[in-house]
Amino acid sequence: MNLLVLGPQGAGKGTQAKRIAADYALPHVSTGDMFRAAIAAGTPLGKRVEPILAAGELVPDDLTVALIEERLAETDALDGFVLDGFPRNLAQAEALDAMFRKIHRSLDAVLFFDLPDDIATERMLKRAEQESRPDDTPDVIARRLAIYHEQTEPIVEHYRATGKLVPLHAERTVDEVYTEVQDALDALSGSAAA
């Protein structure tokens, strides 16, 4: 099962993606985690992306797509994956679509975690406190949400047009949202088996 999680920061995409990955035996492919690991390891990629992320900006598409393609070629991702953190704009969605065509794969579903800005901001500030994440300041959060509305929201329609978009109510509790996710994935597995 090839899955993409989509939604604003603070919608719980990472939390849900990790649960899906664990329960459905799929690797969680998080561009954010891959970038943070590269920064922590001091790799050349890490050194290139650290100032970009610190400013609340997006990493260049070609770097991200190459990183994802490399990751999806690993053995554990051959039967499926949960992609988290990319694409964030229409050009990236199109680059991702092209990359999938190139490697002869496609998405089975796009899980869209819909969340109002006020709840997203509240959750990110709380996460910043709990995890001591320096990239979650009020200014950076506001900038990220503005970028999300301007650049990422249009790809919701891009994926809705494919018939693979699954809207989810992300303002609810983690367990309530996960039940909705499981129902959607069970329906997807059922239709794939039929």
N, C-alpha and C. Protein backbone atom coordinates (compact mmCIF):
# COMPACT_ATOMS: atom_id res chain seq x y z
N MET A 1 0.84 -1.17 0.00
CA MET A 1 0.00 0.00 0.00
C MET A 1 0.90 1.24 0.00
N ASN A 2 0.76 2.06 -1.03
CA ASN A 2 1.55 3.29 -1.16
C ASN A 2 0.68 4.47 -0.72
N LEU A 3 1.05 5.08 0.40
CA LEU A 3 0.22 6.14 0.99
C LEU A 3 1.00 7.45 1.10
N LEU A 4 0.24 8.54 0.98
CA LEU A 4 0.78 9.88 1.20
C LEU A 4 -0.09 10.53 2.27
N VAL A 5 0.53 11.16 3.26
CA VAL A 5 -0.23 11.93 4.25
C VAL A 5 -0.03 13.41 3.95
N LEU A 6 -1.12 14.15 4.05
CA LEU A 6 -1.15 15.55 3.65
C LEU A 6 -1.97 16.34 4.66
N GLY A 7 -1.57 17.59 4.90
CA GLY A 7 -2.32 18.45 5.81
C GLY A 7 -1.39 19.48 6.41
N PRO A 8 -1.94 20.46 7.12
CA PRO A 8 -1.09 21.52 7.70
C PRO A 8 -0.23 20.97 8.84
N GLN A 9 0.82 21.73 9.17
CA GLN A 9 1.65 21.38 10.31
C GLN A 9 0.74 21.37 11.55
N GLY A 10 0.99 20.42 12.44
CA GLY A 10 0.19 20.33 13.66
C GLY A 10 -1.05 19.46 13.50
N ALA A 11 -1.29 18.93 12.29
CA ALA A 11 -2.49 18.12 12.06
C ALA A 11 -2.32 16.68 12.55
N GLY A 12 -1.10 16.34 12.98
CA GLY A 12 -0.87 14.99 13.49
C GLY A 12 -0.47 14.00 12.42
N LYS A 13 -0.04 14.51 11.27
CA LYS A 13 0.36 13.63 10.16
C LYS A 13 1.45 12.65 10.59
N GLY A 14 2.49 13.18 11.23
CA GLY A 14 3.62 12.33 11.64
C GLY A 14 3.19 11.27 12.64
N THR A 15 2.39 11.67 13.63
CA THR A 15 1.90 10.72 14.63
C THR A 15 1.09 9.62 13.97
N GLN A 16 0.17 10.01 13.09
CA GLN A 16 -0.69 9.02 12.42
C GLN A 16 0.13 8.16 11.46
N ALA A 17 1.07 8.79 10.74
CA ALA A 17 1.90 8.05 9.78
C ALA A 17 2.71 6.97 10.51
N LYS A 18 3.23 7.29 11.70
CA LYS A 18 4.01 6.31 12.46
C LYS A 18 3.12 5.14 12.90
N ARG A 19 1.89 5.44 13.29
CA ARG A 19 0.97 4.37 13.70
C ARG A 19 0.60 3.48 12.51
N ILE A 20 0.32 4.12 11.38
CA ILE A 20 0.00 3.37 10.16
C ILE A 20 1.18 2.47 9.81
N ALA A 21 2.39 3.05 9.83
CA ALA A 21 3.59 2.31 9.49
C ALA A 21 3.75 1.08 10.39
N ALA A 22 3.55 1.26 11.68
CA ALA A 22 3.69 0.15 12.63
C ALA A 22 2.61 -0.91 12.42
N ASP A 23 1.36 -0.48 12.30
CA ASP A 23 0.24 -1.44 12.20
C ASP A 23 0.15 -2.14 10.85
N TYR A 24 0.60 -1.49 9.79
CA TYR A 24 0.47 -2.07 8.45
C TYR A 24 1.83 -2.51 7.89
N ALA A 25 2.86 -2.52 8.73
CA ALA A 25 4.21 -2.97 8.35
C ALA A 25 4.73 -2.24 7.11
N LEU A 26 4.62 -0.90 7.14
CA LEU A 26 5.11 -0.06 6.05
C LEU A 26 6.15 0.91 6.62
N PRO A 27 7.20 1.25 5.85
CA PRO A 27 8.14 2.25 6.36
C PRO A 27 7.52 3.65 6.34
N HIS A 28 7.81 4.42 7.39
CA HIS A 28 7.39 5.82 7.47
C HIS A 28 8.48 6.64 6.82
N VAL A 29 8.19 7.19 5.67
CA VAL A 29 9.17 7.97 4.91
C VAL A 29 8.86 9.45 5.14
N SER A 30 9.55 10.04 6.12
CA SER A 30 9.31 11.43 6.50
C SER A 30 10.46 12.30 6.02
N THR A 31 10.15 13.22 5.13
CA THR A 31 11.21 14.11 4.63
C THR A 31 11.77 14.94 5.78
N GLY A 32 10.90 15.39 6.68
CA GLY A 32 11.37 16.17 7.83
C GLY A 32 12.37 15.39 8.68
N ASP A 33 12.03 14.12 8.97
CA ASP A 33 12.94 13.27 9.76
C ASP A 33 14.25 13.04 9.00
N MET A 34 14.14 12.81 7.67
CA MET A 34 15.35 12.58 6.88
C MET A 34 16.24 13.82 6.90
N PHE A 35 15.63 15.02 6.79
CA PHE A 35 16.41 16.26 6.83
C PHE A 35 17.03 16.47 8.21
N ARG A 36 16.22 16.25 9.29
CA ARG A 36 16.74 16.44 10.65
C ARG A 36 17.90 15.47 10.93
N ALA A 37 17.78 14.23 10.43
CA ALA A 37 18.86 13.25 10.62
C ALA A 37 20.12 13.70 9.88
N ALA A 38 19.94 14.24 8.68
CA ALA A 38 21.09 14.72 7.89
C ALA A 38 21.76 15.89 8.60
N ILE A 39 20.96 16.79 9.21
CA ILE A 39 21.50 17.94 9.94
C ILE A 39 22.28 17.44 11.17
N ALA A 40 21.66 16.51 11.92
CA ALA A 40 22.30 15.99 13.13
C ALA A 40 23.61 15.27 12.81
N ALA A 41 23.62 14.58 11.66
CA ALA A 41 24.82 13.83 11.26
C ALA A 41 25.87 14.74 10.61
N GLY A 42 25.49 15.99 10.32
CA GLY A 42 26.42 16.93 9.71
C GLY A 42 26.78 16.57 8.27
N THR A 43 25.87 15.88 7.57
CA THR A 43 26.14 15.50 6.18
C THR A 43 26.12 16.74 5.29
N PRO A 44 26.66 16.62 4.06
CA PRO A 44 26.59 17.76 3.14
C PRO A 44 25.14 18.22 2.91
N LEU A 45 24.22 17.27 2.77
CA LEU A 45 22.81 17.62 2.61
C LEU A 45 22.31 18.37 3.85
N GLY A 46 22.67 17.86 5.02
CA GLY A 46 22.28 18.50 6.28
C GLY A 46 22.75 19.94 6.36
N LYS A 47 24.00 20.18 5.94
CA LYS A 47 24.55 21.54 5.97
C LYS A 47 23.84 22.46 4.98
N ARG A 48 23.35 21.88 3.87
CA ARG A 48 22.62 22.69 2.88
C ARG A 48 21.21 23.04 3.36
N VAL A 49 20.55 22.08 4.04
CA VAL A 49 19.15 22.32 4.41
C VAL A 49 18.97 23.01 5.76
N GLU A 50 19.98 22.94 6.65
CA GLU A 50 19.81 23.52 8.00
C GLU A 50 19.39 24.99 7.97
N PRO A 51 20.09 25.89 7.25
CA PRO A 51 19.66 27.29 7.25
C PRO A 51 18.31 27.51 6.58
N ILE A 52 17.98 26.66 5.61
CA ILE A 52 16.68 26.77 4.91
C ILE A 52 15.55 26.46 5.89
N LEU A 53 15.68 25.35 6.63
CA LEU A 53 14.65 24.96 7.59
C LEU A 53 14.57 25.93 8.76
N ALA A 54 15.72 26.43 9.22
CA ALA A 54 15.75 27.37 10.34
C ALA A 54 14.98 28.65 10.01
N ALA A 55 14.96 29.01 8.72
CA ALA A 55 14.25 30.22 8.28
C ALA A 55 12.78 29.93 7.98
N GLY A 56 12.36 28.66 8.13
CA GLY A 56 10.97 28.30 7.86
C GLY A 56 10.66 28.17 6.37
N GLU A 57 11.72 28.06 5.57
CA GLU A 57 11.55 27.93 4.11
C GLU A 57 11.52 26.46 3.72
N LEU A 58 11.22 26.21 2.43
CA LEU A 58 11.16 24.84 1.93
C LEU A 58 12.47 24.44 1.25
N VAL A 59 12.86 23.19 1.43
CA VAL A 59 14.06 22.65 0.79
C VAL A 59 13.79 22.53 -0.71
N PRO A 60 14.77 22.84 -1.58
CA PRO A 60 14.55 22.74 -3.03
C PRO A 60 14.03 21.37 -3.46
N ASP A 61 13.10 21.40 -4.41
CA ASP A 61 12.40 20.20 -4.85
C ASP A 61 13.32 19.09 -5.34
N ASP A 62 14.32 19.45 -6.14
CA ASP A 62 15.17 18.42 -6.73
C ASP A 62 15.89 17.62 -5.65
N LEU A 63 16.32 18.29 -4.58
CA LEU A 63 16.98 17.60 -3.46
C LEU A 63 16.02 16.64 -2.79
N THR A 64 14.80 17.11 -2.55
CA THR A 64 13.81 16.31 -1.83
C THR A 64 13.36 15.12 -2.66
N VAL A 65 13.06 15.33 -3.94
CA VAL A 65 12.59 14.24 -4.81
C VAL A 65 13.68 13.16 -4.93
N ALA A 66 14.93 13.58 -5.08
CA ALA A 66 16.04 12.61 -5.17
C ALA A 66 16.15 11.80 -3.88
N LEU A 67 15.99 12.47 -2.75
CA LEU A 67 16.05 11.80 -1.45
C LEU A 67 14.93 10.76 -1.32
N ILE A 68 13.70 11.14 -1.74
CA ILE A 68 12.55 10.22 -1.67
C ILE A 68 12.75 9.04 -2.61
N GLU A 69 13.17 9.31 -3.83
CA GLU A 69 13.37 8.23 -4.80
C GLU A 69 14.39 7.21 -4.27
N GLU A 70 15.48 7.73 -3.70
CA GLU A 70 16.51 6.87 -3.12
C GLU A 70 15.92 6.01 -2.00
N ARG A 71 15.10 6.64 -1.16
CA ARG A 71 14.50 5.93 -0.01
C ARG A 71 13.51 4.85 -0.46
N LEU A 72 12.71 5.15 -1.49
CA LEU A 72 11.70 4.19 -1.94
C LEU A 72 12.32 2.99 -2.66
N ALA A 73 13.59 3.10 -3.05
CA ALA A 73 14.29 2.00 -3.70
C ALA A 73 14.82 0.99 -2.68
N GLU A 74 14.79 1.37 -1.39
CA GLU A 74 15.28 0.45 -0.36
C GLU A 74 14.30 -0.70 -0.19
N THR A 75 14.82 -1.87 0.17
CA THR A 75 14.05 -3.11 0.24
C THR A 75 12.77 -2.99 1.05
N ASP A 76 12.83 -2.33 2.22
CA ASP A 76 11.65 -2.27 3.09
C ASP A 76 10.50 -1.46 2.50
N ALA A 77 10.78 -0.66 1.46
CA ALA A 77 9.73 0.18 0.87
C ALA A 77 9.16 -0.41 -0.42
N LEU A 78 9.62 -1.58 -0.80
CA LEU A 78 9.18 -2.15 -2.09
C LEU A 78 7.71 -2.56 -2.09
N ASP A 79 7.17 -2.96 -0.92
CA ASP A 79 5.76 -3.36 -0.86
C ASP A 79 4.83 -2.24 -0.41
N GLY A 80 5.38 -1.06 -0.20
CA GLY A 80 4.55 0.06 0.20
C GLY A 80 5.29 0.98 1.15
N PHE A 81 4.66 2.12 1.44
CA PHE A 81 5.29 3.15 2.27
C PHE A 81 4.23 4.14 2.71
N VAL A 82 4.57 4.94 3.72
CA VAL A 82 3.76 6.07 4.15
C VAL A 82 4.65 7.30 3.98
N LEU A 83 4.38 8.10 2.96
CA LEU A 83 5.17 9.30 2.67
C LEU A 83 4.59 10.49 3.41
N ASP A 84 5.45 11.20 4.13
CA ASP A 84 5.02 12.27 5.02
C ASP A 84 5.94 13.49 4.84
N GLY A 85 5.36 14.66 4.57
CA GLY A 85 6.14 15.90 4.51
C GLY A 85 6.41 16.40 3.11
N PHE A 86 5.95 15.69 2.11
CA PHE A 86 6.18 16.07 0.72
C PHE A 86 5.10 15.38 -0.11
N PRO A 87 4.52 16.05 -1.09
CA PRO A 87 4.80 17.37 -1.63
C PRO A 87 4.13 18.48 -0.82
N ARG A 88 4.66 19.70 -1.00
CA ARG A 88 4.08 20.86 -0.31
C ARG A 88 3.61 21.93 -1.28
N ASN A 89 3.75 21.69 -2.59
CA ASN A 89 3.18 22.62 -3.58
C ASN A 89 2.90 21.83 -4.85
N LEU A 90 2.22 22.48 -5.79
CA LEU A 90 1.79 21.81 -7.01
C LEU A 90 2.97 21.33 -7.84
N ALA A 91 4.03 22.13 -7.94
CA ALA A 91 5.21 21.72 -8.70
C ALA A 91 5.82 20.45 -8.10
N GLN A 92 5.84 20.38 -6.76
CA GLN A 92 6.37 19.19 -6.09
C GLN A 92 5.47 17.98 -6.34
N ALA A 93 4.16 18.21 -6.31
CA ALA A 93 3.22 17.10 -6.57
C ALA A 93 3.45 16.56 -7.97
N GLU A 94 3.65 17.46 -8.93
CA GLU A 94 3.90 17.04 -10.31
C GLU A 94 5.25 16.33 -10.42
N ALA A 95 6.27 16.82 -9.71
CA ALA A 95 7.59 16.16 -9.71
C ALA A 95 7.48 14.78 -9.08
N LEU A 96 6.69 14.67 -8.01
CA LEU A 96 6.48 13.38 -7.35
C LEU A 96 5.75 12.42 -8.29
N ASP A 97 4.69 12.91 -8.96
CA ASP A 97 3.95 12.09 -9.93
C ASP A 97 4.91 11.57 -11.01
N ALA A 98 5.78 12.44 -11.52
CA ALA A 98 6.74 12.07 -12.56
C ALA A 98 7.72 11.02 -12.03
N MET A 99 8.19 11.21 -10.79
CA MET A 99 9.11 10.26 -10.18
C MET A 99 8.44 8.89 -10.03
N PHE A 100 7.16 8.88 -9.59
CA PHE A 100 6.42 7.61 -9.46
C PHE A 100 6.29 6.92 -10.82
N ARG A 101 5.99 7.69 -11.87
CA ARG A 101 5.89 7.09 -13.22
C ARG A 101 7.23 6.48 -13.62
N LYS A 102 8.31 7.21 -13.32
CA LYS A 102 9.67 6.75 -13.67
C LYS A 102 10.01 5.43 -12.99
N ILE A 103 9.59 5.29 -11.72
CA ILE A 103 9.92 4.05 -10.99
C ILE A 103 8.76 3.04 -11.03
N HIS A 104 7.76 3.33 -11.88
CA HIS A 104 6.62 2.42 -12.09
C HIS A 104 5.85 2.11 -10.80
N ARG A 105 5.54 3.17 -10.08
CA ARG A 105 4.73 3.04 -8.86
C ARG A 105 3.69 4.14 -8.86
N SER A 106 2.68 3.99 -8.00
CA SER A 106 1.68 5.04 -7.88
C SER A 106 1.13 5.03 -6.45
N LEU A 107 0.46 6.11 -6.10
CA LEU A 107 -0.16 6.21 -4.77
C LEU A 107 -1.49 5.46 -4.77
N ASP A 108 -1.76 4.75 -3.68
CA ASP A 108 -3.05 4.09 -3.53
C ASP A 108 -4.06 5.02 -2.86
N ALA A 109 -3.58 5.88 -1.96
CA ALA A 109 -4.46 6.83 -1.28
C ALA A 109 -3.65 8.02 -0.76
N VAL A 110 -4.33 9.16 -0.68
CA VAL A 110 -3.76 10.38 -0.11
C VAL A 110 -4.63 10.72 1.10
N LEU A 111 -4.08 10.55 2.30
CA LEU A 111 -4.82 10.82 3.53
C LEU A 111 -4.65 12.30 3.87
N PHE A 112 -5.77 13.04 3.80
CA PHE A 112 -5.74 14.49 4.02
C PHE A 112 -6.26 14.83 5.41
N PHE A 113 -5.33 15.23 6.29
CA PHE A 113 -5.66 15.60 7.67
C PHE A 113 -6.02 17.08 7.71
N ASP A 114 -7.30 17.39 7.73
CA ASP A 114 -7.79 18.76 7.67
C ASP A 114 -7.85 19.33 9.09
N LEU A 115 -7.32 20.56 9.28
CA LEU A 115 -7.23 21.15 10.62
C LEU A 115 -7.28 22.67 10.55
N PRO A 116 -8.12 23.32 11.39
CA PRO A 116 -8.15 24.79 11.42
C PRO A 116 -6.83 25.36 11.94
N ASP A 117 -6.46 26.56 11.46
CA ASP A 117 -5.20 27.21 11.84
C ASP A 117 -5.02 27.41 13.34
N ASP A 118 -6.09 27.80 14.04
CA ASP A 118 -5.93 28.07 15.48
C ASP A 118 -5.53 26.82 16.24
N ILE A 119 -6.10 25.68 15.86
CA ILE A 119 -5.75 24.42 16.53
C ILE A 119 -4.33 24.00 16.12
N ALA A 120 -3.98 24.20 14.85
CA ALA A 120 -2.63 23.86 14.36
C ALA A 120 -1.58 24.66 15.14
N THR A 121 -1.82 25.96 15.31
CA THR A 121 -0.87 26.83 16.02
C THR A 121 -0.71 26.39 17.47
N GLU A 122 -1.84 26.15 18.12
CA GLU A 122 -1.84 25.71 19.52
C GLU A 122 -1.05 24.41 19.68
N ARG A 123 -1.28 23.45 18.78
CA ARG A 123 -0.58 22.17 18.85
C ARG A 123 0.92 22.33 18.61
N MET A 124 1.31 23.16 17.65
CA MET A 124 2.74 23.32 17.35
C MET A 124 3.48 24.02 18.48
N LEU A 125 2.85 24.99 19.11
CA LEU A 125 3.49 25.67 20.25
C LEU A 125 3.68 24.69 21.40
N LYS A 126 2.68 23.84 21.63
CA LYS A 126 2.77 22.83 22.69
C LYS A 126 3.89 21.84 22.36
N ARG A 127 3.96 21.42 21.09
CA ARG A 127 5.00 20.47 20.65
C ARG A 127 6.39 21.10 20.83
N ALA A 128 6.51 22.38 20.49
CA ALA A 128 7.80 23.08 20.62
C ALA A 128 8.28 23.04 22.07
N GLU A 129 7.32 23.25 22.98
CA GLU A 129 7.63 23.20 24.42
C GLU A 129 8.07 21.80 24.84
N GLN A 130 7.28 20.79 24.44
CA GLN A 130 7.54 19.42 24.87
C GLN A 130 8.80 18.83 24.26
N GLU A 131 9.07 19.14 23.00
CA GLU A 131 10.18 18.50 22.30
C GLU A 131 11.40 19.42 22.14
N SER A 132 11.31 20.63 22.68
CA SER A 132 12.39 21.63 22.52
C SER A 132 12.81 21.75 21.06
N ARG A 133 11.82 21.93 20.17
CA ARG A 133 12.11 22.06 18.75
C ARG A 133 12.32 23.53 18.41
N PRO A 134 13.56 23.91 18.06
CA PRO A 134 13.85 25.32 17.80
C PRO A 134 13.17 25.86 16.55
N ASP A 135 12.68 24.95 15.67
CA ASP A 135 12.04 25.43 14.44
C ASP A 135 10.56 25.75 14.64
N ASP A 136 10.02 25.58 15.85
CA ASP A 136 8.61 25.86 16.10
C ASP A 136 8.42 27.11 16.97
N THR A 137 8.82 28.27 16.47
CA THR A 137 8.57 29.53 17.15
C THR A 137 7.27 30.12 16.59
N PRO A 138 6.59 31.04 17.31
CA PRO A 138 5.35 31.61 16.80
C PRO A 138 5.50 32.23 15.39
N ASP A 139 6.61 32.94 15.15
CA ASP A 139 6.81 33.55 13.83
C ASP A 139 6.98 32.51 12.74
N VAL A 140 7.76 31.47 13.03
CA VAL A 140 7.98 30.41 12.04
C VAL A 140 6.68 29.63 11.81
N ILE A 141 5.91 29.39 12.86
CA ILE A 141 4.63 28.69 12.72
C ILE A 141 3.69 29.49 11.81
N ALA A 142 3.59 30.79 12.07
CA ALA A 142 2.72 31.65 11.24
C ALA A 142 3.18 31.63 9.78
N ARG A 143 4.49 31.68 9.59
CA ARG A 143 5.04 31.65 8.22
C ARG A 143 4.73 30.31 7.55
N ARG A 144 4.91 29.22 8.29
CA ARG A 144 4.64 27.89 7.73
C ARG A 144 3.18 27.73 7.34
N LEU A 145 2.28 28.21 8.19
CA LEU A 145 0.85 28.10 7.88
C LEU A 145 0.48 28.96 6.67
N ALA A 146 1.10 30.13 6.55
CA ALA A 146 0.86 30.99 5.38
C ALA A 146 1.33 30.28 4.11
N ILE A 147 2.51 29.67 4.18
CA ILE A 147 3.04 28.91 3.03
C ILE A 147 2.09 27.74 2.72
N TYR A 148 1.62 27.07 3.75
CA TYR A 148 0.70 25.94 3.56
C TYR A 148 -0.53 26.39 2.77
N HIS A 149 -1.17 27.49 3.22
CA HIS A 149 -2.40 27.94 2.55
C HIS A 149 -2.14 28.38 1.11
N GLU A 150 -1.03 29.06 0.91
CA GLU A 150 -0.71 29.59 -0.41
C GLU A 150 -0.25 28.49 -1.37
N GLN A 151 0.60 27.58 -0.87
CA GLN A 151 1.24 26.62 -1.78
C GLN A 151 0.74 25.19 -1.66
N THR A 152 0.42 24.73 -0.44
CA THR A 152 0.08 23.33 -0.27
C THR A 152 -1.40 23.04 -0.50
N GLU A 153 -2.28 23.94 -0.06
CA GLU A 153 -3.71 23.67 -0.23
C GLU A 153 -4.11 23.35 -1.67
N PRO A 154 -3.52 24.01 -2.70
CA PRO A 154 -3.92 23.67 -4.07
C PRO A 154 -3.67 22.20 -4.44
N ILE A 155 -2.71 21.53 -3.79
CA ILE A 155 -2.48 20.13 -4.16
C ILE A 155 -3.55 19.21 -3.61
N VAL A 156 -4.33 19.70 -2.63
CA VAL A 156 -5.47 18.90 -2.15
C VAL A 156 -6.41 18.65 -3.34
N GLU A 157 -6.66 19.71 -4.12
CA GLU A 157 -7.53 19.57 -5.30
C GLU A 157 -6.88 18.70 -6.37
N HIS A 158 -5.56 18.82 -6.51
CA HIS A 158 -4.80 17.99 -7.47
C HIS A 158 -5.06 16.51 -7.18
N TYR A 159 -4.97 16.13 -5.90
CA TYR A 159 -5.18 14.73 -5.53
C TYR A 159 -6.67 14.36 -5.47
N ARG A 160 -7.54 15.33 -5.14
CA ARG A 160 -8.98 15.04 -5.14
C ARG A 160 -9.41 14.61 -6.55
N ALA A 161 -8.80 15.26 -7.57
CA ALA A 161 -9.14 14.96 -8.96
C ALA A 161 -8.74 13.54 -9.36
N THR A 162 -7.78 12.94 -8.63
CA THR A 162 -7.35 11.57 -8.94
C THR A 162 -8.31 10.54 -8.35
N GLY A 163 -9.20 10.99 -7.45
CA GLY A 163 -10.11 10.07 -6.78
C GLY A 163 -9.45 9.33 -5.62
N LYS A 164 -8.22 9.72 -5.27
CA LYS A 164 -7.49 9.01 -4.21
C LYS A 164 -7.43 9.78 -2.89
N LEU A 165 -8.04 10.99 -2.86
CA LEU A 165 -7.99 11.81 -1.64
C LEU A 165 -8.99 11.29 -0.61
N VAL A 166 -8.51 11.11 0.62
CA VAL A 166 -9.35 10.65 1.73
C VAL A 166 -9.34 11.75 2.80
N PRO A 167 -10.40 12.60 2.86
CA PRO A 167 -10.43 13.67 3.88
C PRO A 167 -10.65 13.09 5.28
N LEU A 168 -9.89 13.60 6.26
CA LEU A 168 -9.99 13.15 7.65
C LEU A 168 -10.15 14.37 8.56
N HIS A 169 -10.82 14.18 9.70
CA HIS A 169 -11.10 15.27 10.64
C HIS A 169 -10.01 15.32 11.70
N ALA A 170 -8.93 16.06 11.45
CA ALA A 170 -7.73 16.04 12.30
C ALA A 170 -7.87 16.81 13.60
N GLU A 171 -8.98 17.52 13.80
CA GLU A 171 -9.12 18.27 15.06
C GLU A 171 -9.51 17.36 16.22
N ARG A 172 -9.87 16.12 15.94
CA ARG A 172 -10.29 15.20 16.99
C ARG A 172 -9.09 14.58 17.69
N THR A 173 -9.36 13.69 18.65
CA THR A 173 -8.26 13.07 19.39
C THR A 173 -7.47 12.14 18.46
N VAL A 174 -6.25 11.83 18.87
CA VAL A 174 -5.38 10.95 18.09
C VAL A 174 -6.08 9.62 17.79
N ASP A 175 -6.71 9.03 18.82
CA ASP A 175 -7.38 7.73 18.63
C ASP A 175 -8.60 7.84 17.72
N GLU A 176 -9.36 8.91 17.85
CA GLU A 176 -10.53 9.09 16.98
C GLU A 176 -10.11 9.24 15.52
N VAL A 177 -9.05 10.01 15.30
CA VAL A 177 -8.55 10.21 13.94
C VAL A 177 -8.02 8.87 13.40
N TYR A 178 -7.32 8.13 14.25
CA TYR A 178 -6.74 6.86 13.79
C TYR A 178 -7.85 5.85 13.42
N THR A 179 -8.95 5.85 14.16
CA THR A 179 -10.07 4.97 13.81
C THR A 179 -10.59 5.32 12.41
N GLU A 180 -10.66 6.62 12.13
CA GLU A 180 -11.09 7.06 10.79
C GLU A 180 -10.09 6.62 9.72
N VAL A 181 -8.80 6.70 10.04
CA VAL A 181 -7.74 6.25 9.13
C VAL A 181 -7.89 4.75 8.85
N GLN A 182 -8.05 3.97 9.93
CA GLN A 182 -8.18 2.51 9.77
C GLN A 182 -9.38 2.15 8.91
N ASP A 183 -10.51 2.82 9.13
CA ASP A 183 -11.71 2.55 8.33
C ASP A 183 -11.42 2.81 6.84
N ALA A 184 -10.71 3.91 6.56
CA ALA A 184 -10.38 4.25 5.17
C ALA A 184 -9.43 3.21 4.57
N LEU A 185 -8.42 2.80 5.33
CA LEU A 185 -7.44 1.83 4.81
C LEU A 185 -8.06 0.45 4.66
N ASP A 186 -8.97 0.08 5.58
CA ASP A 186 -9.67 -1.21 5.46
C ASP A 186 -10.53 -1.21 4.20
N ALA A 187 -11.20 -0.09 3.94
CA ALA A 187 -12.03 0.02 2.72
C ALA A 187 -11.13 -0.07 1.48
N LEU A 188 -9.97 0.56 1.55
CA LEU A 188 -9.02 0.52 0.44
C LEU A 188 -8.51 -0.91 0.22
N SER A 189 -8.14 -1.60 1.30
CA SER A 189 -7.67 -2.99 1.19
C SER A 189 -8.77 -3.89 0.65
N GLY A 190 -9.99 -3.65 1.11
CA GLY A 190 -11.13 -4.44 0.63
C GLY A 190 -11.38 -4.26 -0.85
N SER A 191 -11.28 -3.01 -1.31
CA SER A 191 -11.52 -2.74 -2.74
C SER A 191 -10.37 -3.26 -3.59
N ALA A 192 -9.15 -3.28 -3.03
CA ALA A 192 -8.00 -3.81 -3.77
C ALA A 192 -8.10 -5.33 -3.91
N ALA A 193 -8.66 -5.97 -2.86
CA ALA A 193 -8.78 -7.42 -2.88
C ALA A 193 -9.93 -7.88 -3.77
N ALA A 194 -10.91 -6.99 -3.97
CA ALA A 194 -12.13 -7.37 -4.73
C ALA A 194 -11.84 -7.53 -6.21
